[in-house]
Amino acid sequence: MAAPSPKVDVKKAISSYRARAGIVEIVDVPVLRYLMIDGHGDPNTSVEYADAVATLYPVAYTLKFASKQAGRDYVVPPLEALWWAEDMDAFTSRRDKSAWDWTVMLMVPDWIGPDLVDAAVSTVADRKAPRSIDALRCRSLAEGTCVQTLHIGPYDAEAGTLSAMHHDFIPAHGLRMTGRHHEIYLNDVRRVAPQQLRTILRQPVEKLG
């Protein structure tokens, strides 16, 4: 009998899932697929946000176990989110979370096809019936050229890093912002002290002119 394939950590194979604290870098992000749910409001208090997260994880783990049964086991990737607002100062100077729109996401490995995703969604809908299941979709995200850095510490301490990225690094390198602010949460906020949280902060950009 053949030995089982080793468990794959998909993010380790993608260079843009590595970042360094205190260093802003320009990276090329490949097209990736995600389980996604959209919403609005403060993630700390929004029932909608909590429902979205509580929907994504059961589907992601159902996919993982189905893939494992088919011979390819993997580590469920970290939680991610896109954030935006009509006034982007809501992220930097004002941090007005009530004004935030968001898409919360979990990456889907490229070998998992749409039929397997549909089956996982149906299984979770039947067994758990999470409140945001009808809002879940699986879509590709093409970010291309981005700038990013690693933030270590509480989420509410990101403002200075974001301001430097948006107002200093990006214009200084002849770039402009094009897409939505992207955060990748490398720790479980329930298990790690705020001072030790590690978050990749990413911003899609394009060349001026």
C-alpha atoms as a PDB file:
ATOM      1  CA  MET A   1       0.000   0.000   0.000  1.00  0.00           C
ATOM      2  CA  ALA A   2       1.359   3.428  -0.931  1.00  0.00           C
ATOM      3  CA  ALA A   3       2.352   5.771   1.881  1.00  0.00           C
ATOM      4  CA  PRO A   4      -0.045   8.693   2.423  1.00  0.00           C
ATOM      5  CA  SER A   5       0.981  12.012   0.914  1.00  0.00           C
ATOM      6  CA  PRO A   6       2.434  14.520   3.405  1.00  0.00           C
ATOM      7  CA  LYS A   7       0.143  17.246   4.674  1.00  0.00           C
ATOM      8  CA  VAL A   8       0.567  20.390   2.576  1.00  0.00           C
ATOM      9  CA  ASP A   9       0.700  23.912   4.023  1.00  0.00           C
ATOM     10  CA  VAL A  10      -0.461  25.769   0.925  1.00  0.00           C
ATOM     11  CA  LYS A  11       0.566  29.221   2.144  1.00  0.00           C
ATOM     12  CA  LYS A  12       4.206  28.125   2.492  1.00  0.00           C
ATOM     13  CA  ALA A  13       4.339  27.488  -1.248  1.00  0.00           C
ATOM     14  CA  ILE A  14       3.272  31.076  -2.037  1.00  0.00           C
ATOM     15  CA  SER A  15       6.008  33.665  -1.503  1.00  0.00           C
ATOM     16  CA  SER A  16       3.520  36.506  -0.982  1.00  0.00           C
ATOM     17  CA  TYR A  17       2.376  34.802   2.238  1.00  0.00           C
ATOM     18  CA  ARG A  18       5.729  35.716   3.778  1.00  0.00           C
ATOM     19  CA  ALA A  19       6.383  39.225   5.099  1.00  0.00           C
ATOM     20  CA  ARG A  20       8.797  40.945   7.486  1.00  0.00           C
ATOM     21  CA  ALA A  21       8.004  43.366  10.272  1.00  0.00           C
ATOM     22  CA  GLY A  22       9.326  46.873   9.712  1.00  0.00           C
ATOM     23  CA  ILE A  23       9.934  46.278   5.987  1.00  0.00           C
ATOM     24  CA  VAL A  24       7.459  47.195   3.254  1.00  0.00           C
ATOM     25  CA  GLU A  25       7.973  45.125   0.094  1.00  0.00           C
ATOM     26  CA  ILE A  26       6.573  45.038  -3.424  1.00  0.00           C
ATOM     27  CA  VAL A  27       5.275  41.551  -4.260  1.00  0.00           C
ATOM     28  CA  ASP A  28       3.450  39.803  -7.103  1.00  0.00           C
ATOM     29  CA  VAL A  29       0.447  37.856  -5.832  1.00  0.00           C
ATOM     30  CA  PRO A  30      -0.873  34.998  -8.010  1.00  0.00           C
ATOM     31  CA  VAL A  31      -4.550  34.538  -8.755  1.00  0.00           C
ATOM     32  CA  LEU A  32      -6.009  32.583  -5.828  1.00  0.00           C
ATOM     33  CA  ARG A  33      -9.441  31.183  -4.979  1.00  0.00           C
ATOM     34  CA  TYR A  34     -11.251  31.851  -1.736  1.00  0.00           C
ATOM     35  CA  LEU A  35     -14.406  31.045   0.133  1.00  0.00           C
ATOM     36  CA  MET A  36     -15.870  34.536   0.637  1.00  0.00           C
ATOM     37  CA  ILE A  37     -18.661  36.297   2.542  1.00  0.00           C
ATOM     38  CA  ASP A  38     -19.337  40.064   2.354  1.00  0.00           C
ATOM     39  CA  GLY A  39     -20.587  42.334   5.105  1.00  0.00           C
ATOM     40  CA  HIS A  40     -20.450  45.730   6.801  1.00  0.00           C
ATOM     41  CA  GLY A  41     -19.610  47.158  10.202  1.00  0.00           C
ATOM     42  CA  ASP A  42     -17.300  46.835  13.181  1.00  0.00           C
ATOM     43  CA  PRO A  43     -15.865  43.291  13.254  1.00  0.00           C
ATOM     44  CA  ASN A  44     -15.580  43.468  17.043  1.00  0.00           C
ATOM     45  CA  THR A  45     -19.300  43.959  17.554  1.00  0.00           C
ATOM     46  CA  SER A  46     -20.998  42.909  14.298  1.00  0.00           C
ATOM     47  CA  VAL A  47     -23.127  39.769  14.510  1.00  0.00           C
ATOM     48  CA  GLU A  48     -22.863  39.653  10.718  1.00  0.00           C
ATOM     49  CA  TYR A  49     -19.061  39.319  10.914  1.00  0.00           C
ATOM     50  CA  ALA A  50     -19.221  36.616  13.590  1.00  0.00           C
ATOM     51  CA  ASP A  51     -21.778  34.702  11.501  1.00  0.00           C
ATOM     52  CA  ALA A  52     -19.552  34.941   8.432  1.00  0.00           C
ATOM     53  CA  VAL A  53     -16.538  33.490  10.237  1.00  0.00           C
ATOM     54  CA  ALA A  54     -18.702  30.788  11.818  1.00  0.00           C
ATOM     55  CA  THR A  55     -19.864  29.815   8.326  1.00  0.00           C
ATOM     56  CA  LEU A  56     -16.503  29.804   6.552  1.00  0.00           C
ATOM     57  CA  TYR A  57     -14.679  27.451   8.908  1.00  0.00           C
ATOM     58  CA  PRO A  58     -17.102  24.491   8.784  1.00  0.00           C
ATOM     59  CA  VAL A  59     -17.053  24.624   4.983  1.00  0.00           C
ATOM     60  CA  ALA A  60     -13.244  24.913   4.919  1.00  0.00           C
ATOM     61  CA  TYR A  61     -12.804  21.904   7.220  1.00  0.00           C
ATOM     62  CA  THR A  62     -15.366  19.866   5.296  1.00  0.00           C
ATOM     63  CA  LEU A  63     -13.316  20.579   2.162  1.00  0.00           C
ATOM     64  CA  LYS A  64     -10.101  19.613   3.942  1.00  0.00           C
ATOM     65  CA  PHE A  65     -11.482  16.247   5.063  1.00  0.00           C
ATOM     66  CA  ALA A  66     -12.908  15.512   1.603  1.00  0.00           C
ATOM     67  CA  SER A  67      -9.524  16.291   0.071  1.00  0.00           C
ATOM     68  CA  LYS A  68      -7.773  14.115   2.659  1.00  0.00           C
ATOM     69  CA  GLN A  69     -10.062  11.197   1.821  1.00  0.00           C
ATOM     70  CA  ALA A  70      -9.090  11.691  -1.832  1.00  0.00           C
ATOM     71  CA  GLY A  71      -5.410  11.461  -0.875  1.00  0.00           C
ATOM     72  CA  ARG A  72      -4.351  15.123  -0.477  1.00  0.00           C
ATOM     73  CA  ASP A  73      -4.332  16.460   3.066  1.00  0.00           C
ATOM     74  CA  TYR A  74      -3.544  20.091   3.801  1.00  0.00           C
ATOM     75  CA  VAL A  75      -3.497  22.709   6.550  1.00  0.00           C
ATOM     76  CA  VAL A  76      -6.544  24.980   6.419  1.00  0.00           C
ATOM     77  CA  PRO A  77      -5.110  28.390   5.437  1.00  0.00           C
ATOM     78  CA  PRO A  78      -5.351  31.414   7.739  1.00  0.00           C
ATOM     79  CA  LEU A  79      -8.359  33.698   7.905  1.00  0.00           C
ATOM     80  CA  GLU A  80      -8.123  36.731   5.632  1.00  0.00           C
ATOM     81  CA  ALA A  81     -10.238  39.786   4.934  1.00  0.00           C
ATOM     82  CA  LEU A  82     -10.572  42.621   2.453  1.00  0.00           C
ATOM     83  CA  TRP A  83     -11.505  45.966   3.988  1.00  0.00           C
ATOM     84  CA  TRP A  84     -12.695  49.216   2.440  1.00  0.00           C
ATOM     85  CA  ALA A  85     -14.756  52.329   3.090  1.00  0.00           C
ATOM     86  CA  GLU A  86     -15.941  55.360   1.154  1.00  0.00           C
ATOM     87  CA  ASP A  87     -13.313  57.385   3.048  1.00  0.00           C
ATOM     88  CA  MET A  88     -10.134  55.334   3.449  1.00  0.00           C
ATOM     89  CA  ASP A  89      -9.078  57.539   6.368  1.00  0.00           C
ATOM     90  CA  ALA A  90     -11.525  55.366   8.301  1.00  0.00           C
ATOM     91  CA  PHE A  91      -8.665  52.823   8.322  1.00  0.00           C
ATOM     92  CA  THR A  92      -5.767  55.105   9.125  1.00  0.00           C
ATOM     93  CA  SER A  93      -6.390  58.331  11.022  1.00  0.00           C
ATOM     94  CA  ARG A  94      -9.938  57.815  12.309  1.00  0.00           C
ATOM     95  CA  ARG A  95     -10.246  53.997  12.514  1.00  0.00           C
ATOM     96  CA  ASP A  96     -14.037  54.341  12.324  1.00  0.00           C
ATOM     97  CA  LYS A  97     -14.930  50.649  12.262  1.00  0.00           C
ATOM     98  CA  SER A  98     -18.647  51.303  11.894  1.00  0.00           C
ATOM     99  CA  ALA A  99     -17.888  52.655   8.396  1.00  0.00           C
ATOM    100  CA  TRP A 100     -15.992  49.559   7.236  1.00  0.00           C
ATOM    101  CA  ASP A 101     -17.122  47.169   4.528  1.00  0.00           C
ATOM    102  CA  TRP A 102     -15.450  43.775   4.402  1.00  0.00           C
ATOM    103  CA  THR A 103     -15.095  40.442   2.665  1.00  0.00           C
ATOM    104  CA  VAL A 104     -13.933  37.691   5.011  1.00  0.00           C
ATOM    105  CA  MET A 105     -12.127  34.818   3.267  1.00  0.00           C
ATOM    106  CA  LEU A 106     -10.392  31.434   3.468  1.00  0.00           C
ATOM    107  CA  MET A 107      -8.149  30.245   0.636  1.00  0.00           C
ATOM    108  CA  VAL A 108      -9.091  27.107  -1.323  1.00  0.00           C
ATOM    109  CA  PRO A 109      -6.193  24.977  -2.693  1.00  0.00           C
ATOM    110  CA  ASP A 110      -5.964  24.958  -6.471  1.00  0.00           C
ATOM    111  CA  TRP A 111      -6.553  21.204  -6.806  1.00  0.00           C
ATOM    112  CA  ILE A 112     -10.034  21.428  -5.276  1.00  0.00           C
ATOM    113  CA  GLY A 113     -12.674  21.739  -7.983  1.00  0.00           C
ATOM    114  CA  PRO A 114     -16.054  23.498  -7.896  1.00  0.00           C
ATOM    115  CA  ASP A 115     -17.967  20.224  -7.505  1.00  0.00           C
ATOM    116  CA  LEU A 116     -16.150  19.499  -4.237  1.00  0.00           C
ATOM    117  CA  VAL A 117     -16.823  23.036  -3.010  1.00  0.00           C
ATOM    118  CA  ASP A 118     -20.528  22.734  -3.844  1.00  0.00           C
ATOM    119  CA  ALA A 119     -20.710  19.396  -2.042  1.00  0.00           C
ATOM    120  CA  ALA A 120     -19.024  20.850   1.061  1.00  0.00           C
ATOM    121  CA  VAL A 121     -21.408  23.809   1.145  1.00  0.00           C
ATOM    122  CA  SER A 122     -24.414  21.473   0.834  1.00  0.00           C
ATOM    123  CA  THR A 123     -23.099  19.211   3.597  1.00  0.00           C
ATOM    124  CA  VAL A 124     -22.588  22.118   6.002  1.00  0.00           C
ATOM    125  CA  ALA A 125     -25.966  23.613   5.098  1.00  0.00           C
ATOM    126  CA  ASP A 126     -27.698  20.323   5.901  1.00  0.00           C
ATOM    127  CA  ARG A 127     -25.789  19.514   9.096  1.00  0.00           C
ATOM    128  CA  LYS A 128     -25.175  22.883  10.718  1.00  0.00           C
ATOM    129  CA  ALA A 129     -27.265  25.428   8.788  1.00  0.00           C
ATOM    130  CA  PRO A 130     -25.039  28.428   9.670  1.00  0.00           C
ATOM    131  CA  ARG A 131     -26.819  31.714   9.204  1.00  0.00           C
ATOM    132  CA  SER A 132     -24.518  33.050   6.455  1.00  0.00           C
ATOM    133  CA  ILE A 133     -24.383  29.900   4.334  1.00  0.00           C
ATOM    134  CA  ASP A 134     -26.496  31.410   1.542  1.00  0.00           C
ATOM    135  CA  ALA A 135     -24.100  34.371   1.312  1.00  0.00           C
ATOM    136  CA  LEU A 136     -21.009  32.188   0.820  1.00  0.00           C
ATOM    137  CA  ARG A 137     -19.362  32.049  -2.594  1.00  0.00           C
ATOM    138  CA  CYS A 138     -16.103  30.676  -4.001  1.00  0.00           C
ATOM    139  CA  ARG A 139     -14.342  33.166  -6.273  1.00  0.00           C
ATOM    140  CA  SER A 140     -10.911  33.942  -7.680  1.00  0.00           C
ATOM    141  CA  LEU A 141      -9.048  37.059  -6.536  1.00  0.00           C
ATOM    142  CA  ALA A 142      -6.467  38.624  -8.857  1.00  0.00           C
ATOM    143  CA  GLU A 143      -4.443  41.192  -6.906  1.00  0.00           C
ATOM    144  CA  GLY A 144      -1.251  41.242  -8.980  1.00  0.00           C
ATOM    145  CA  THR A 145       1.313  43.803  -7.820  1.00  0.00           C
ATOM    146  CA  CYS A 146       0.945  44.671  -4.135  1.00  0.00           C
ATOM    147  CA  VAL A 147       2.890  46.261  -1.303  1.00  0.00           C
ATOM    148  CA  GLN A 148       2.844  44.529   2.051  1.00  0.00           C
ATOM    149  CA  THR A 149       4.450  44.269   5.448  1.00  0.00           C
ATOM    150  CA  LEU A 150       4.079  42.257   8.645  1.00  0.00           C
ATOM    151  CA  HIS A 151       2.391  43.965  11.582  1.00  0.00           C
ATOM    152  CA  ILE A 152       3.093  42.529  15.033  1.00  0.00           C
ATOM    153  CA  GLY A 153       0.714  43.610  17.772  1.00  0.00           C
ATOM    154  CA  PRO A 154      -2.945  44.540  18.265  1.00  0.00           C
ATOM    155  CA  TYR A 155      -5.113  45.187  15.251  1.00  0.00           C
ATOM    156  CA  ASP A 156      -5.956  48.641  16.590  1.00  0.00           C
ATOM    157  CA  ALA A 157      -2.248  49.558  16.452  1.00  0.00           C
ATOM    158  CA  GLU A 158      -2.124  49.148  12.658  1.00  0.00           C
ATOM    159  CA  ALA A 159      -2.977  52.763  11.856  1.00  0.00           C
ATOM    160  CA  GLY A 160       0.602  54.082  11.842  1.00  0.00           C
ATOM    161  CA  THR A 161       1.848  51.251   9.647  1.00  0.00           C
ATOM    162  CA  LEU A 162      -1.026  51.702   7.207  1.00  0.00           C
ATOM    163  CA  SER A 163      -0.548  55.458   7.052  1.00  0.00           C
ATOM    164  CA  ALA A 164       3.162  55.032   6.251  1.00  0.00           C
ATOM    165  CA  MET A 165       2.338  52.443   3.588  1.00  0.00           C
ATOM    166  CA  HIS A 166      -0.425  54.490   1.969  1.00  0.00           C
ATOM    167  CA  HIS A 167       1.023  58.002   2.218  1.00  0.00           C
ATOM    168  CA  ASP A 168       4.806  57.458   2.195  1.00  0.00           C
ATOM    169  CA  PHE A 169       5.956  54.180   0.623  1.00  0.00           C
ATOM    170  CA  ILE A 170       3.403  53.924  -2.187  1.00  0.00           C
ATOM    171  CA  PRO A 171       3.778  57.471  -3.619  1.00  0.00           C
ATOM    172  CA  ALA A 172       7.551  57.409  -3.045  1.00  0.00           C
ATOM    173  CA  HIS A 173       7.789  54.385  -5.359  1.00  0.00           C
ATOM    174  CA  GLY A 174       5.660  55.904  -8.106  1.00  0.00           C
ATOM    175  CA  LEU A 175       2.629  53.771  -7.271  1.00  0.00           C
ATOM    176  CA  ARG A 176      -1.029  54.300  -6.500  1.00  0.00           C
ATOM    177  CA  MET A 177      -3.536  52.144  -4.665  1.00  0.00           C
ATOM    178  CA  THR A 178      -5.909  50.177  -6.886  1.00  0.00           C
ATOM    179  CA  GLY A 179      -7.613  47.430  -4.897  1.00  0.00           C
ATOM    180  CA  ARG A 180      -8.925  46.786  -1.429  1.00  0.00           C
ATOM    181  CA  HIS A 181      -6.850  46.690   1.727  1.00  0.00           C
ATOM    182  CA  HIS A 182      -6.092  43.040   2.512  1.00  0.00           C
ATOM    183  CA  GLU A 183      -5.217  41.516   5.898  1.00  0.00           C
ATOM    184  CA  ILE A 184      -3.969  37.970   6.533  1.00  0.00           C
ATOM    185  CA  TYR A 185      -4.304  36.808  10.139  1.00  0.00           C
ATOM    186  CA  LEU A 186      -1.462  34.420  10.896  1.00  0.00           C
ATOM    187  CA  ASN A 187      -2.598  33.775  14.494  1.00  0.00           C
ATOM    188  CA  ASP A 188      -5.831  32.734  16.174  1.00  0.00           C
ATOM    189  CA  VAL A 189      -6.950  35.852  18.029  1.00  0.00           C
ATOM    190  CA  ARG A 190      -8.620  33.627  20.657  1.00  0.00           C
ATOM    191  CA  ARG A 191      -5.317  31.958  21.593  1.00  0.00           C
ATOM    192  CA  VAL A 192      -2.651  34.641  21.211  1.00  0.00           C
ATOM    193  CA  ALA A 193      -2.051  37.773  23.283  1.00  0.00           C
ATOM    194  CA  PRO A 194      -2.752  40.984  21.337  1.00  0.00           C
ATOM    195  CA  GLN A 195       0.927  42.012  21.535  1.00  0.00           C
ATOM    196  CA  GLN A 196       1.932  38.811  19.720  1.00  0.00           C
ATOM    197  CA  LEU A 197      -0.583  38.870  16.880  1.00  0.00           C
ATOM    198  CA  ARG A 198       1.039  38.638  13.436  1.00  0.00           C
ATOM    199  CA  THR A 199      -0.876  40.155  10.513  1.00  0.00           C
ATOM    200  CA  ILE A 200       0.202  40.655   6.917  1.00  0.00           C
ATOM    201  CA  LEU A 201      -1.033  44.050   5.692  1.00  0.00           C
ATOM    202  CA  ARG A 202      -1.332  44.128   1.890  1.00  0.00           C
ATOM    203  CA  GLN A 203      -2.381  46.788  -0.597  1.00  0.00           C
ATOM    204  CA  PRO A 204      -2.764  46.237  -4.375  1.00  0.00           C
ATOM    205  CA  VAL A 205      -1.061  48.952  -6.421  1.00  0.00           C
ATOM    206  CA  GLU A 206      -0.201  50.015  -9.961  1.00  0.00           C
ATOM    207  CA  LYS A 207       2.444  52.241 -11.545  1.00  0.00           C
ATOM    208  CA  LEU A 208       1.567  55.903 -12.023  1.00  0.00           C
ATOM    209  CA  GLY A 209       1.396  57.203 -15.558  1.00  0.00           C
END
